[in-house]
Amino acid sequence: MATVGISASINVSKIDKTKLIKGEKGTYLNITAFVNLDEKDQYDNNGMITQSTTKEERDAGNQGAILGNSRVFYTGESNNSSPKDKKETVNDKIPLEEIPF
């Protein structure tokens, strides 16, 4: 099974506050992540994060606000399916045991 690590940042000032969901353990926002593993933009991002929309909003042609970007920082095999002698790497370049933290 393949594993992908993604980091993201969002501009919280762009959040439509009416879409915040008050839950028992906190306040939540539904988001959607679009990730393209094959291409990067001019800033080295692989995708974007948008505020989720309902089916009715999508049917009406409304799109969720773009809140930020995402970047793939790791791709590889999960521990469950990879052979024990295969070394795990970050972006298939740096062996994990060589990372100083």
Protein backbone atom coordinates (compact mmCIF):
# COMPACT_ATOMS: atom_id res chain seq x y z
CA MET A 1 0.00 0.00 0.00
CA ALA A 2 1.35 3.43 -0.93
CA THR A 3 1.70 6.17 1.65
CA VAL A 4 1.67 9.90 0.93
CA GLY A 5 2.65 12.66 3.37
CA ILE A 6 1.09 16.04 2.68
CA SER A 7 1.66 19.37 4.41
CA ALA A 8 -0.75 22.24 3.97
CA SER A 9 -1.36 25.79 5.07
CA ILE A 10 -4.56 27.78 4.94
CA ASN A 11 -5.44 31.45 5.19
CA VAL A 12 -7.95 31.45 8.04
CA SER A 13 -9.20 34.92 7.10
CA LYS A 14 -10.74 33.38 3.95
CA ILE A 15 -12.93 30.94 5.90
CA ASP A 16 -16.66 31.52 5.49
CA LYS A 17 -17.51 31.59 9.19
CA THR A 18 -21.12 30.54 8.48
CA LYS A 19 -19.71 27.13 7.45
CA LEU A 20 -18.14 26.46 10.87
CA ILE A 21 -19.75 23.50 12.61
CA LYS A 22 -20.07 23.62 16.39
CA GLY A 23 -19.44 20.14 17.75
CA GLU A 24 -19.37 18.59 21.16
CA LYS A 25 -15.56 18.69 21.32
CA GLY A 26 -14.82 21.81 19.28
CA THR A 27 -15.58 23.86 16.20
CA TYR A 28 -14.96 22.23 12.82
CA LEU A 29 -14.65 23.21 9.18
CA ASN A 30 -15.06 20.73 6.33
CA ILE A 31 -12.33 21.13 3.73
CA THR A 32 -11.43 19.43 0.46
CA ALA A 33 -7.85 18.76 -0.63
CA PHE A 34 -6.95 18.51 -4.31
CA VAL A 35 -3.56 16.84 -4.85
CA ASN A 36 -1.74 16.20 -8.12
CA LEU A 37 1.19 13.86 -7.52
CA ASP A 38 2.49 14.32 -11.08
CA GLU A 39 2.82 18.10 -11.27
CA LYS A 40 3.90 21.05 -9.11
CA ASP A 41 3.08 24.72 -9.51
CA GLN A 42 5.62 27.54 -9.64
CA TYR A 43 5.83 27.52 -5.83
CA ASP A 44 6.50 23.76 -5.59
CA ASN A 45 2.93 23.00 -4.43
CA ASN A 46 1.07 19.89 -5.55
CA GLY A 47 -2.44 21.04 -4.80
CA MET A 48 -4.85 23.28 -2.99
CA ILE A 49 -7.22 23.25 -0.03
CA THR A 50 -10.77 24.54 -0.50
CA GLN A 51 -13.71 24.97 1.78
CA SER A 52 -16.10 22.08 1.17
CA THR A 53 -19.44 22.71 -0.50
CA THR A 54 -22.74 20.87 -0.30
CA LYS A 55 -24.16 19.00 -3.28
CA GLU A 56 -26.75 21.75 -3.68
CA GLU A 57 -24.02 24.43 -3.76
CA ARG A 58 -22.05 22.47 -6.36
CA ASP A 59 -25.19 21.91 -8.47
CA ALA A 60 -25.80 25.66 -8.38
CA GLY A 61 -22.26 26.24 -9.72
CA ASN A 62 -20.77 27.47 -6.46
CA GLN A 63 -17.20 26.51 -5.62
CA GLY A 64 -15.60 26.46 -2.22
CA ALA A 65 -13.24 29.30 -1.36
CA ILE A 66 -9.58 28.48 -1.95
CA LEU A 67 -8.07 28.53 1.54
CA GLY A 68 -4.49 27.51 0.82
CA ASN A 69 -2.02 25.14 -0.77
CA SER A 70 -0.71 21.63 -0.19
CA ARG A 71 2.64 20.03 -0.84
CA VAL A 72 3.55 16.36 -0.96
CA PHE A 73 6.62 15.80 1.20
CA TYR A 74 6.68 12.00 1.32
CA THR A 75 5.69 9.17 -0.98
CA GLY A 76 6.53 5.57 -0.37
CA GLU A 77 5.31 2.22 0.80
CA SER A 78 3.57 1.70 4.12
CA ASN A 79 5.26 -0.51 6.70
CA ASN A 80 2.60 -3.20 6.27
CA SER A 81 3.44 -4.04 2.67
CA SER A 82 7.12 -3.16 2.23
CA PRO A 83 9.89 -5.74 2.63
CA LYS A 84 11.92 -5.44 5.84
CA ASP A 85 15.17 -4.96 3.97
CA LYS A 86 13.82 -1.98 1.94
CA LYS A 87 14.98 1.33 3.43
CA GLU A 88 12.32 3.99 3.93
CA THR A 89 13.14 7.36 2.42
CA VAL A 90 11.80 10.90 2.28
CA ASN A 91 10.83 11.74 -1.32
CA ASP A 92 12.73 8.56 -2.33
CA LYS A 93 16.03 10.46 -1.93
CA ILE A 94 17.08 10.73 1.72
CA PRO A 95 17.19 7.59 3.89
CA LEU A 96 15.14 8.17 7.06
CA GLU A 97 18.01 7.13 9.31
CA GLU A 98 20.09 10.04 7.93
CA ILE A 99 17.59 12.69 9.06
CA PRO A 100 19.01 14.41 12.19
CA PHE A 101 15.77 14.43 14.24
